[in-house]
């Protein structure tokens, strides 16, 4: 029953996000502010987890929403939800920042689990948005339980560190084919558990 309710909420939120993006294409600043309020509490912890400094994460967040403002028409609905598009943008920018600075994470104290991002929402966040985001977080947390430790490690190295499959194989001292297989299986399990739009 709760799963059906979550799917209905996600569908409604996806529709609202698409409407906001259409308004942003028409240069509606209020629509951008609403989208920012909805997703900044999710994107900021993701950026912090990747680049390990709050200052860099704040800059990445600003760059992502500037890109949304300037390139809203680049969004292709058939490729996934607005949420997926913005999260991917944030992740790519954070990994680019990490590589351009040539640094690795300095500290574990700034790390936040992806599911914790909802806890860091601003007090003026829409309660409905928080419920939907919490639903996403619960789905991901539940889906991760279906993965082996090795699958989780490989996906973390790829997603948060931006490592290639070859780099992961070297780090974990295992054949490249094994890394590819584990990664593919892990992604398939997550897609089945969460819904293919969100992975």
N, C-alpha and C. Protein backbone atom coordinates (compact mmCIF):
# COMPACT_ATOMS: atom_id res chain seq x y z
N UNK A 1 0.81 -1.19 0.00
CA UNK A 1 0.00 0.00 0.00
C UNK A 1 0.86 1.27 0.00
N UNK A 2 1.90 1.30 0.91
CA UNK A 2 2.77 2.48 0.97
C UNK A 2 3.54 2.65 -0.33
N UNK A 3 3.88 1.53 -0.99
CA UNK A 3 4.61 1.59 -2.24
C UNK A 3 3.78 2.27 -3.33
N UNK A 4 2.53 1.96 -3.39
CA UNK A 4 1.63 2.59 -4.35
C UNK A 4 1.53 4.09 -4.07
N UNK A 5 1.40 4.44 -2.79
CA UNK A 5 1.32 5.86 -2.41
C UNK A 5 2.60 6.58 -2.81
N UNK A 6 3.76 5.93 -2.61
CA UNK A 6 5.04 6.54 -2.97
C UNK A 6 5.12 6.74 -4.48
N UNK A 7 4.69 5.76 -5.26
CA UNK A 7 4.71 5.88 -6.71
C UNK A 7 3.81 7.02 -7.19
N UNK A 8 2.65 7.18 -6.56
CA UNK A 8 1.75 8.28 -6.91
C UNK A 8 2.41 9.61 -6.58
N UNK A 9 3.07 9.69 -5.41
CA UNK A 9 3.76 10.92 -5.01
C UNK A 9 4.90 11.24 -5.98
N UNK A 10 5.66 10.22 -6.37
CA UNK A 10 6.76 10.44 -7.31
C UNK A 10 6.25 10.94 -8.65
N UNK A 11 5.17 10.34 -9.13
CA UNK A 11 4.59 10.75 -10.40
C UNK A 11 4.15 12.20 -10.34
N UNK A 12 3.51 12.57 -9.25
CA UNK A 12 3.06 13.96 -9.07
C UNK A 12 4.25 14.91 -8.99
N UNK A 13 5.28 14.51 -8.24
CA UNK A 13 6.46 15.37 -8.12
C UNK A 13 7.17 15.50 -9.46
N UNK A 14 7.26 14.42 -10.24
CA UNK A 14 7.87 14.49 -11.56
C UNK A 14 7.11 15.47 -12.45
N UNK A 15 5.79 15.44 -12.36
CA UNK A 15 4.96 16.35 -13.15
C UNK A 15 5.20 17.81 -12.72
N UNK A 16 5.25 18.04 -11.41
CA UNK A 16 5.52 19.38 -10.89
C UNK A 16 6.90 19.87 -11.33
N UNK A 17 7.90 18.99 -11.26
CA UNK A 17 9.26 19.36 -11.68
C UNK A 17 9.29 19.75 -13.15
N UNK A 18 8.60 18.98 -13.98
CA UNK A 18 8.56 19.28 -15.42
C UNK A 18 7.89 20.63 -15.66
N UNK A 19 6.83 20.93 -14.91
CA UNK A 19 6.18 22.23 -15.03
C UNK A 19 7.12 23.36 -14.62
N UNK A 20 7.86 23.16 -13.52
CA UNK A 20 8.82 24.16 -13.08
C UNK A 20 9.89 24.39 -14.15
N UNK A 21 10.35 23.32 -14.77
CA UNK A 21 11.38 23.44 -15.80
C UNK A 21 10.85 24.21 -17.02
N UNK A 22 9.61 23.98 -17.38
CA UNK A 22 9.01 24.74 -18.48
C UNK A 22 8.96 26.22 -18.14
N UNK A 23 8.62 26.54 -16.90
CA UNK A 23 8.59 27.94 -16.46
C UNK A 23 10.00 28.54 -16.47
N UNK A 24 10.99 27.74 -16.07
CA UNK A 24 12.39 28.21 -16.07
C UNK A 24 12.83 28.52 -17.50
N UNK A 25 12.39 27.72 -18.46
CA UNK A 25 12.72 27.99 -19.87
C UNK A 25 12.19 29.36 -20.30
N UNK A 26 11.10 29.78 -19.65
CA UNK A 26 10.52 31.10 -19.95
C UNK A 26 11.11 32.17 -19.03
N UNK A 27 12.19 31.81 -18.31
CA UNK A 27 12.94 32.71 -17.42
C UNK A 27 12.13 33.17 -16.21
N UNK A 28 11.38 32.25 -15.64
CA UNK A 28 10.61 32.50 -14.43
C UNK A 28 11.51 32.23 -13.22
N UNK A 29 11.95 33.31 -12.55
CA UNK A 29 12.88 33.18 -11.43
C UNK A 29 12.25 32.46 -10.23
N UNK A 30 10.96 32.65 -10.03
CA UNK A 30 10.28 31.99 -8.92
C UNK A 30 10.31 30.47 -9.10
N UNK A 31 10.17 30.01 -10.33
CA UNK A 31 10.22 28.57 -10.61
C UNK A 31 11.60 28.01 -10.27
N UNK A 32 12.65 28.77 -10.60
CA UNK A 32 14.00 28.33 -10.26
C UNK A 32 14.17 28.27 -8.74
N UNK A 33 13.65 29.26 -8.05
CA UNK A 33 13.74 29.27 -6.58
C UNK A 33 13.02 28.06 -5.98
N UNK A 34 11.86 27.71 -6.53
CA UNK A 34 11.12 26.54 -6.03
C UNK A 34 11.89 25.25 -6.27
N UNK A 35 12.49 25.13 -7.47
CA UNK A 35 13.27 23.93 -7.78
C UNK A 35 14.51 23.85 -6.88
N UNK A 36 15.13 25.00 -6.64
CA UNK A 36 16.29 25.06 -5.75
C UNK A 36 15.91 24.60 -4.34
N UNK A 37 14.82 25.15 -3.81
CA UNK A 37 14.38 24.79 -2.47
C UNK A 37 14.07 23.30 -2.36
N UNK A 38 13.57 22.73 -3.43
CA UNK A 38 13.20 21.32 -3.43
C UNK A 38 14.44 20.42 -3.44
N UNK A 39 15.46 20.77 -4.23
CA UNK A 39 16.57 19.84 -4.45
C UNK A 39 17.92 20.23 -3.84
N UNK A 40 18.09 21.45 -3.40
CA UNK A 40 19.36 21.82 -2.75
C UNK A 40 19.66 20.93 -1.54
N UNK A 41 18.64 20.59 -0.72
CA UNK A 41 18.94 19.72 0.43
C UNK A 41 19.39 18.31 0.05
N UNK A 42 19.15 17.91 -1.19
CA UNK A 42 19.58 16.60 -1.67
C UNK A 42 20.95 16.72 -2.35
N UNK A 43 21.12 17.76 -3.15
CA UNK A 43 22.35 17.91 -3.93
C UNK A 43 23.56 18.32 -3.10
N UNK A 44 23.35 19.18 -2.13
CA UNK A 44 24.48 19.66 -1.33
C UNK A 44 25.22 18.52 -0.63
N UNK A 45 24.53 17.63 0.10
CA UNK A 45 25.25 16.52 0.73
C UNK A 45 25.93 15.59 -0.28
N UNK A 46 25.32 15.43 -1.46
CA UNK A 46 25.94 14.61 -2.50
C UNK A 46 27.26 15.24 -2.93
N UNK A 47 27.25 16.55 -3.16
CA UNK A 47 28.47 17.25 -3.57
C UNK A 47 29.52 17.20 -2.47
N UNK A 48 29.11 17.38 -1.22
CA UNK A 48 30.05 17.32 -0.10
C UNK A 48 30.69 15.93 -0.03
N UNK A 49 29.88 14.92 -0.23
CA UNK A 49 30.41 13.55 -0.16
C UNK A 49 31.49 13.32 -1.21
N UNK A 50 31.32 13.92 -2.38
CA UNK A 50 32.29 13.72 -3.47
C UNK A 50 33.52 14.59 -3.31
N UNK A 51 33.35 15.90 -3.07
CA UNK A 51 34.50 16.80 -3.05
C UNK A 51 35.08 17.02 -1.66
N UNK A 52 34.33 16.65 -0.62
CA UNK A 52 34.79 16.66 0.77
C UNK A 52 34.99 18.05 1.37
N UNK A 53 34.66 19.11 0.67
CA UNK A 53 34.73 20.43 1.29
C UNK A 53 33.41 21.14 1.06
N UNK A 54 32.96 21.79 2.09
CA UNK A 54 31.67 22.49 2.02
C UNK A 54 31.73 23.66 1.04
N UNK A 55 32.86 24.33 1.00
CA UNK A 55 33.02 25.47 0.09
C UNK A 55 32.87 25.03 -1.37
N UNK A 56 33.56 23.95 -1.75
CA UNK A 56 33.43 23.43 -3.11
C UNK A 56 32.00 22.97 -3.39
N UNK A 57 31.38 22.33 -2.40
CA UNK A 57 30.01 21.84 -2.58
C UNK A 57 29.05 23.00 -2.82
N UNK A 58 29.23 24.10 -2.09
CA UNK A 58 28.37 25.28 -2.28
C UNK A 58 28.53 25.85 -3.69
N UNK A 59 29.78 25.92 -4.15
CA UNK A 59 30.03 26.43 -5.51
C UNK A 59 29.39 25.51 -6.56
N UNK A 60 29.51 24.22 -6.36
CA UNK A 60 28.92 23.25 -7.29
C UNK A 60 27.41 23.43 -7.34
N UNK A 61 26.80 23.59 -6.19
CA UNK A 61 25.35 23.79 -6.12
C UNK A 61 24.93 25.02 -6.93
N UNK A 62 25.67 26.11 -6.76
CA UNK A 62 25.37 27.33 -7.52
C UNK A 62 25.55 27.09 -9.02
N UNK A 63 26.62 26.40 -9.39
CA UNK A 63 26.86 26.11 -10.81
C UNK A 63 25.76 25.25 -11.41
N UNK A 64 25.29 24.26 -10.64
CA UNK A 64 24.23 23.38 -11.14
C UNK A 64 22.97 24.17 -11.44
N UNK A 65 22.57 25.03 -10.51
CA UNK A 65 21.33 25.77 -10.73
C UNK A 65 21.49 26.88 -11.77
N UNK A 66 22.70 27.39 -11.93
CA UNK A 66 22.96 28.31 -13.03
C UNK A 66 22.81 27.57 -14.36
N UNK A 67 23.32 26.34 -14.41
CA UNK A 67 23.18 25.53 -15.61
C UNK A 67 21.71 25.20 -15.88
N UNK A 68 20.95 24.89 -14.83
CA UNK A 68 19.52 24.64 -14.99
C UNK A 68 18.85 25.88 -15.59
N UNK A 69 19.21 27.06 -15.08
CA UNK A 69 18.64 28.32 -15.56
C UNK A 69 18.96 28.54 -17.03
N UNK A 70 20.22 28.31 -17.39
CA UNK A 70 20.68 28.60 -18.75
C UNK A 70 20.33 27.49 -19.75
N UNK A 71 20.23 26.25 -19.28
CA UNK A 71 20.09 25.12 -20.20
C UNK A 71 18.85 24.27 -19.92
N UNK A 72 17.82 24.86 -19.37
CA UNK A 72 16.60 24.09 -19.05
C UNK A 72 16.05 23.38 -20.28
N UNK A 73 16.24 23.97 -21.45
CA UNK A 73 15.72 23.36 -22.68
C UNK A 73 16.50 22.10 -23.07
N UNK A 74 17.67 21.87 -22.45
CA UNK A 74 18.48 20.69 -22.76
C UNK A 74 17.93 19.42 -22.11
N UNK A 75 17.02 19.58 -21.17
CA UNK A 75 16.43 18.43 -20.50
C UNK A 75 15.57 17.63 -21.48
N UNK A 76 15.79 16.30 -21.50
CA UNK A 76 15.04 15.40 -22.38
C UNK A 76 14.23 14.45 -21.50
N UNK A 77 12.90 14.65 -21.45
CA UNK A 77 12.06 13.85 -20.55
C UNK A 77 12.17 12.34 -20.75
N UNK A 78 12.40 11.88 -21.97
CA UNK A 78 12.48 10.44 -22.23
C UNK A 78 13.68 9.77 -21.56
N UNK A 79 14.65 10.57 -21.16
CA UNK A 79 15.86 10.00 -20.55
C UNK A 79 15.79 9.89 -19.04
N UNK A 80 14.71 10.37 -18.44
CA UNK A 80 14.56 10.27 -16.99
C UNK A 80 13.87 11.49 -16.41
N UNK A 81 13.69 11.47 -15.11
CA UNK A 81 13.00 12.56 -14.42
C UNK A 81 13.91 13.79 -14.30
N UNK A 82 13.30 14.92 -13.99
CA UNK A 82 14.05 16.16 -13.74
C UNK A 82 15.00 15.91 -12.57
N UNK A 83 14.51 15.21 -11.56
CA UNK A 83 15.33 14.87 -10.40
C UNK A 83 16.61 14.13 -10.83
N UNK A 84 16.47 13.11 -11.66
CA UNK A 84 17.62 12.34 -12.14
C UNK A 84 18.58 13.23 -12.93
N UNK A 85 18.02 14.11 -13.75
CA UNK A 85 18.82 15.00 -14.58
C UNK A 85 19.66 15.94 -13.72
N UNK A 86 19.04 16.50 -12.69
CA UNK A 86 19.75 17.45 -11.83
C UNK A 86 20.79 16.74 -10.97
N UNK A 87 20.45 15.57 -10.45
CA UNK A 87 21.41 14.80 -9.65
C UNK A 87 22.62 14.42 -10.50
N UNK A 88 22.38 13.99 -11.73
CA UNK A 88 23.49 13.62 -12.63
C UNK A 88 24.38 14.84 -12.91
N UNK A 89 23.75 15.98 -13.11
CA UNK A 89 24.50 17.21 -13.35
C UNK A 89 25.41 17.54 -12.16
N UNK A 90 24.84 17.41 -10.96
CA UNK A 90 25.60 17.70 -9.75
C UNK A 90 26.77 16.73 -9.60
N UNK A 91 26.50 15.48 -9.80
CA UNK A 91 27.54 14.45 -9.67
C UNK A 91 28.68 14.69 -10.66
N UNK A 92 28.33 14.98 -11.91
CA UNK A 92 29.37 15.21 -12.93
C UNK A 92 30.21 16.45 -12.59
N UNK A 93 29.55 17.50 -12.15
CA UNK A 93 30.29 18.72 -11.78
C UNK A 93 31.22 18.45 -10.60
N UNK A 94 30.73 17.71 -9.61
CA UNK A 94 31.55 17.42 -8.43
C UNK A 94 32.77 16.57 -8.80
N UNK A 95 32.56 15.57 -9.64
CA UNK A 95 33.68 14.72 -10.06
C UNK A 95 34.67 15.52 -10.91
N UNK A 96 34.17 16.39 -11.78
CA UNK A 96 35.06 17.26 -12.56
C UNK A 96 35.89 18.15 -11.64
N UNK A 97 35.24 18.69 -10.60
CA UNK A 97 35.96 19.54 -9.64
C UNK A 97 37.02 18.74 -8.92
N UNK A 98 36.69 17.53 -8.53
CA UNK A 98 37.63 16.66 -7.84
C UNK A 98 38.85 16.38 -8.72
N UNK A 99 38.59 16.07 -9.98
CA UNK A 99 39.69 15.76 -10.91
C UNK A 99 40.50 17.00 -11.25
N UNK A 100 39.85 18.14 -11.43
CA UNK A 100 40.58 19.34 -11.83
C UNK A 100 41.50 19.83 -10.71
N UNK A 101 41.11 19.61 -9.49
CA UNK A 101 41.95 20.00 -8.37
C UNK A 101 43.01 18.95 -8.07
N UNK A 102 42.82 17.77 -8.66
CA UNK A 102 43.80 16.70 -8.45
C UNK A 102 43.91 16.29 -6.99
N UNK A 103 42.80 16.38 -6.29
CA UNK A 103 42.87 15.99 -4.88
C UNK A 103 41.90 14.87 -4.58
N UNK A 104 42.20 14.17 -3.54
CA UNK A 104 41.32 13.13 -3.04
C UNK A 104 40.63 13.69 -1.80
N UNK A 105 39.66 12.99 -1.32
CA UNK A 105 38.97 13.43 -0.12
C UNK A 105 39.95 13.60 1.03
N UNK A 106 39.83 14.74 1.73
CA UNK A 106 40.74 15.02 2.82
C UNK A 106 40.22 14.49 4.15
N UNK A 107 38.92 14.39 4.25
CA UNK A 107 38.36 14.10 5.55
C UNK A 107 37.08 13.30 5.43
N UNK A 108 36.85 12.43 6.37
CA UNK A 108 35.62 11.66 6.39
C UNK A 108 34.53 12.40 7.15
N UNK A 109 34.92 13.44 7.92
CA UNK A 109 33.92 14.08 8.78
C UNK A 109 32.84 14.82 8.02
N UNK A 110 33.07 15.17 6.76
CA UNK A 110 32.05 15.86 5.99
C UNK A 110 31.18 14.90 5.21
N UNK A 111 31.53 13.62 5.23
CA UNK A 111 30.75 12.65 4.46
C UNK A 111 29.33 12.52 5.02
N UNK A 112 28.39 12.44 4.10
CA UNK A 112 27.00 12.22 4.47
C UNK A 112 26.48 11.10 3.59
N UNK A 113 25.71 10.22 4.17
CA UNK A 113 25.08 9.18 3.38
C UNK A 113 24.03 9.82 2.49
N UNK A 114 23.82 9.30 1.28
CA UNK A 114 22.81 9.90 0.41
C UNK A 114 21.45 9.96 1.08
N UNK A 115 21.12 8.98 1.89
CA UNK A 115 19.82 8.95 2.53
C UNK A 115 19.70 9.98 3.65
N UNK A 116 20.84 10.54 4.11
CA UNK A 116 20.81 11.54 5.17
C UNK A 116 20.49 12.92 4.63
N UNK A 117 20.56 13.10 3.33
CA UNK A 117 20.38 14.43 2.76
C UNK A 117 19.06 15.05 3.14
N UNK A 118 18.03 14.27 3.29
CA UNK A 118 16.72 14.79 3.66
C UNK A 118 16.77 15.43 5.04
N UNK A 119 17.62 14.93 5.91
CA UNK A 119 17.70 15.45 7.26
C UNK A 119 18.29 16.84 7.30
N UNK A 120 18.96 17.25 6.25
CA UNK A 120 19.61 18.55 6.22
C UNK A 120 18.80 19.57 5.44
N UNK A 121 17.54 19.32 5.26
CA UNK A 121 16.68 20.25 4.54
C UNK A 121 16.48 21.52 5.36
N UNK A 122 16.24 22.61 4.65
CA UNK A 122 16.00 23.87 5.33
C UNK A 122 14.63 23.86 5.97
N UNK A 123 14.46 24.72 6.96
CA UNK A 123 13.21 24.73 7.70
C UNK A 123 12.03 25.17 6.84
N UNK A 124 12.32 25.89 5.74
CA UNK A 124 11.21 26.33 4.89
C UNK A 124 10.95 25.38 3.73
N UNK A 125 11.55 24.20 3.77
CA UNK A 125 11.29 23.20 2.73
C UNK A 125 9.84 22.75 2.83
N UNK A 126 9.25 22.47 1.69
CA UNK A 126 7.87 22.00 1.62
C UNK A 126 7.79 20.61 2.23
N UNK A 127 6.91 20.40 3.23
CA UNK A 127 6.79 19.09 3.86
C UNK A 127 6.48 17.97 2.86
N UNK A 128 5.67 18.27 1.84
CA UNK A 128 5.35 17.26 0.82
C UNK A 128 6.62 16.83 0.09
N UNK A 129 7.47 17.82 -0.26
CA UNK A 129 8.73 17.51 -0.94
C UNK A 129 9.60 16.62 -0.06
N UNK A 130 9.64 16.94 1.23
CA UNK A 130 10.46 16.15 2.15
C UNK A 130 9.97 14.71 2.24
N UNK A 131 8.66 14.53 2.24
CA UNK A 131 8.09 13.18 2.30
C UNK A 131 8.49 12.38 1.06
N UNK A 132 8.40 13.02 -0.12
CA UNK A 132 8.77 12.34 -1.36
C UNK A 132 10.26 12.03 -1.36
N UNK A 133 11.10 12.99 -0.93
CA UNK A 133 12.55 12.76 -0.88
C UNK A 133 12.87 11.65 0.11
N UNK A 134 12.15 11.64 1.23
CA UNK A 134 12.36 10.59 2.21
C UNK A 134 12.00 9.24 1.60
N UNK A 135 10.95 9.23 0.77
CA UNK A 135 10.56 8.01 0.07
C UNK A 135 11.65 7.54 -0.87
N UNK A 136 12.28 8.49 -1.60
CA UNK A 136 13.40 8.14 -2.47
C UNK A 136 14.52 7.53 -1.62
N UNK A 137 14.85 8.20 -0.51
CA UNK A 137 15.94 7.74 0.34
C UNK A 137 15.66 6.33 0.88
N UNK A 138 14.43 6.11 1.32
CA UNK A 138 14.06 4.79 1.83
C UNK A 138 14.18 3.73 0.75
N UNK A 139 13.75 4.07 -0.46
CA UNK A 139 13.84 3.12 -1.58
C UNK A 139 15.29 2.76 -1.86
N UNK A 140 16.15 3.77 -1.87
CA UNK A 140 17.57 3.52 -2.14
C UNK A 140 18.18 2.69 -1.02
N UNK A 141 17.90 3.06 0.23
CA UNK A 141 18.45 2.32 1.37
C UNK A 141 18.01 0.86 1.32
N UNK A 142 16.75 0.64 1.03
CA UNK A 142 16.23 -0.71 0.94
C UNK A 142 16.87 -1.47 -0.22
N UNK A 143 17.01 -0.79 -1.36
CA UNK A 143 17.61 -1.42 -2.54
C UNK A 143 19.06 -1.80 -2.28
N UNK A 144 19.80 -0.96 -1.56
CA UNK A 144 21.21 -1.24 -1.28
C UNK A 144 21.38 -2.51 -0.45
N UNK A 145 20.37 -2.85 0.35
CA UNK A 145 20.45 -4.07 1.15
C UNK A 145 20.44 -5.33 0.27
N UNK A 146 19.95 -5.21 -0.95
CA UNK A 146 19.90 -6.37 -1.84
C UNK A 146 21.25 -6.59 -2.56
N UNK A 147 22.18 -5.65 -2.39
CA UNK A 147 23.49 -5.76 -3.03
C UNK A 147 24.51 -6.37 -2.09
N UNK A 148 25.49 -7.05 -2.67
CA UNK A 148 26.59 -7.57 -1.86
C UNK A 148 27.50 -6.40 -1.48
N UNK A 149 28.35 -6.61 -0.48
CA UNK A 149 29.29 -5.55 -0.07
C UNK A 149 30.20 -5.15 -1.23
N UNK A 150 30.62 -6.13 -2.01
CA UNK A 150 31.49 -5.85 -3.14
C UNK A 150 30.77 -5.00 -4.19
N UNK A 151 29.51 -5.32 -4.47
CA UNK A 151 28.74 -4.53 -5.44
C UNK A 151 28.59 -3.09 -4.96
N UNK A 152 28.32 -2.92 -3.67
CA UNK A 152 28.18 -1.57 -3.10
C UNK A 152 29.51 -0.82 -3.22
N UNK A 153 30.61 -1.47 -2.88
CA UNK A 153 31.93 -0.83 -2.94
C UNK A 153 32.25 -0.39 -4.37
N UNK A 154 32.00 -1.25 -5.33
CA UNK A 154 32.28 -0.93 -6.74
C UNK A 154 31.42 0.25 -7.19
N UNK A 155 30.15 0.23 -6.84
CA UNK A 155 29.26 1.33 -7.24
C UNK A 155 29.66 2.64 -6.55
N UNK A 156 30.07 2.57 -5.29
CA UNK A 156 30.52 3.79 -4.59
C UNK A 156 31.77 4.37 -5.24
N UNK A 157 32.73 3.50 -5.58
CA UNK A 157 33.95 3.99 -6.24
C UNK A 157 33.63 4.64 -7.58
N UNK A 158 32.69 4.07 -8.29
CA UNK A 158 32.30 4.62 -9.58
C UNK A 158 31.50 5.91 -9.40
N UNK A 159 30.49 5.87 -8.54
CA UNK A 159 29.57 7.00 -8.41
C UNK A 159 30.17 8.18 -7.67
N UNK A 160 30.75 7.94 -6.49
CA UNK A 160 31.25 9.03 -5.66
C UNK A 160 32.67 9.45 -5.99
N UNK A 161 33.49 8.51 -6.44
CA UNK A 161 34.89 8.84 -6.72
C UNK A 161 35.14 9.09 -8.20
N UNK A 162 34.20 8.70 -9.04
CA UNK A 162 34.37 8.90 -10.48
C UNK A 162 35.42 7.98 -11.09
N UNK A 163 35.67 6.86 -10.45
CA UNK A 163 36.69 5.91 -10.94
C UNK A 163 36.15 5.13 -12.14
N UNK A 164 37.02 4.88 -13.09
CA UNK A 164 36.65 4.04 -14.23
C UNK A 164 36.66 2.58 -13.78
N UNK A 165 36.10 1.71 -14.60
CA UNK A 165 36.09 0.28 -14.25
C UNK A 165 37.51 -0.26 -14.17
N UNK A 166 38.39 0.22 -15.04
CA UNK A 166 39.80 -0.22 -15.00
C UNK A 166 40.47 0.20 -13.70
N UNK A 167 40.20 1.44 -13.27
CA UNK A 167 40.79 1.92 -12.02
C UNK A 167 40.26 1.11 -10.83
N UNK A 168 38.98 0.80 -10.86
CA UNK A 168 38.39 0.00 -9.77
C UNK A 168 39.03 -1.39 -9.74
N UNK A 169 39.21 -1.99 -10.91
CA UNK A 169 39.84 -3.32 -10.98
C UNK A 169 41.24 -3.29 -10.36
N UNK A 170 42.01 -2.24 -10.66
CA UNK A 170 43.36 -2.11 -10.08
C UNK A 170 43.30 -1.92 -8.58
N UNK A 171 42.40 -1.03 -8.12
CA UNK A 171 42.28 -0.75 -6.69
C UNK A 171 41.89 -1.99 -5.89
N UNK A 172 40.93 -2.74 -6.44
CA UNK A 172 40.42 -3.91 -5.72
C UNK A 172 41.17 -5.19 -6.07
N UNK A 173 42.13 -5.07 -6.97
CA UNK A 173 42.97 -6.20 -7.38
C UNK A 173 42.11 -7.37 -7.85
N UNK A 174 41.28 -7.08 -8.84
CA UNK A 174 40.43 -8.13 -9.40
C UNK A 174 40.33 -7.93 -10.90
N UNK A 175 39.95 -8.98 -11.63
CA UNK A 175 39.85 -8.87 -13.09
C UNK A 175 38.81 -7.82 -13.51
N UNK A 176 39.11 -7.13 -14.59
CA UNK A 176 38.21 -6.11 -15.12
C UNK A 176 36.83 -6.69 -15.42
N UNK A 177 36.79 -7.90 -15.96
CA UNK A 177 35.52 -8.55 -16.27
C UNK A 177 34.65 -8.74 -15.04
N UNK A 178 35.27 -9.06 -13.91
CA UNK A 178 34.53 -9.23 -12.66
C UNK A 178 33.92 -7.91 -12.21
N UNK A 179 34.71 -6.83 -12.33
CA UNK A 179 34.22 -5.50 -11.96
C UNK A 179 33.02 -5.13 -12.83
N UNK A 180 33.14 -5.35 -14.12
CA UNK A 180 32.04 -5.02 -15.05
C UNK A 180 30.77 -5.80 -14.71
N UNK A 181 30.95 -7.09 -14.43
CA UNK A 181 29.80 -7.95 -14.10
C UNK A 181 29.14 -7.50 -12.81
N UNK A 182 29.95 -7.26 -11.77
CA UNK A 182 29.43 -6.84 -10.47
C UNK A 182 28.71 -5.49 -10.59
N UNK A 183 29.28 -4.58 -11.35
CA UNK A 183 28.67 -3.27 -11.53
C UNK A 183 27.33 -3.40 -12.25
N UNK A 184 27.32 -4.18 -13.32
CA UNK A 184 26.07 -4.36 -14.09
C UNK A 184 24.99 -5.00 -13.22
N UNK A 185 25.36 -6.05 -12.47
CA UNK A 185 24.38 -6.71 -11.60
C UNK A 185 23.88 -5.77 -10.50
N UNK A 186 24.79 -4.99 -9.93
CA UNK A 186 24.40 -4.05 -8.88
C UNK A 186 23.42 -3.01 -9.39
N UNK A 187 23.70 -2.47 -10.57
CA UNK A 187 22.81 -1.47 -11.17
C UNK A 187 21.46 -2.09 -11.50
N UNK A 188 21.46 -3.31 -12.02
CA UNK A 188 20.20 -3.98 -12.32
C UNK A 188 19.36 -4.18 -11.06
N UNK A 189 20.00 -4.60 -9.98
CA UNK A 189 19.27 -4.79 -8.72
C UNK A 189 18.67 -3.47 -8.23
N UNK A 190 19.46 -2.40 -8.31
CA UNK A 190 18.97 -1.09 -7.87
C UNK A 190 17.80 -0.63 -8.73
N UNK A 191 17.92 -0.82 -10.05
CA UNK A 191 16.82 -0.42 -10.94
C UNK A 191 15.54 -1.18 -10.63
N UNK A 192 15.67 -2.46 -10.37
CA UNK A 192 14.49 -3.26 -10.05
C UNK A 192 13.85 -2.81 -8.74
N UNK A 193 14.69 -2.49 -7.76
CA UNK A 193 14.17 -2.13 -6.44
C UNK A 193 13.65 -0.70 -6.37
N UNK A 194 14.28 0.23 -7.09
CA UNK A 194 13.94 1.65 -6.97
C UNK A 194 13.07 2.13 -8.12
N UNK A 195 13.24 1.56 -9.27
CA UNK A 195 12.54 2.04 -10.46
C UNK A 195 13.57 2.63 -11.40
N UNK A 196 13.55 2.25 -12.65
CA UNK A 196 14.66 2.56 -13.58
C UNK A 196 14.86 4.04 -13.79
N UNK A 197 13.86 4.86 -13.52
CA UNK A 197 13.99 6.30 -13.72
C UNK A 197 14.97 6.93 -12.74
N UNK A 198 15.13 6.32 -11.58
CA UNK A 198 15.87 6.98 -10.51
C UNK A 198 17.31 6.51 -10.38
N UNK A 199 17.77 5.55 -11.17
CA UNK A 199 19.14 5.05 -11.04
C UNK A 199 19.93 5.43 -12.28
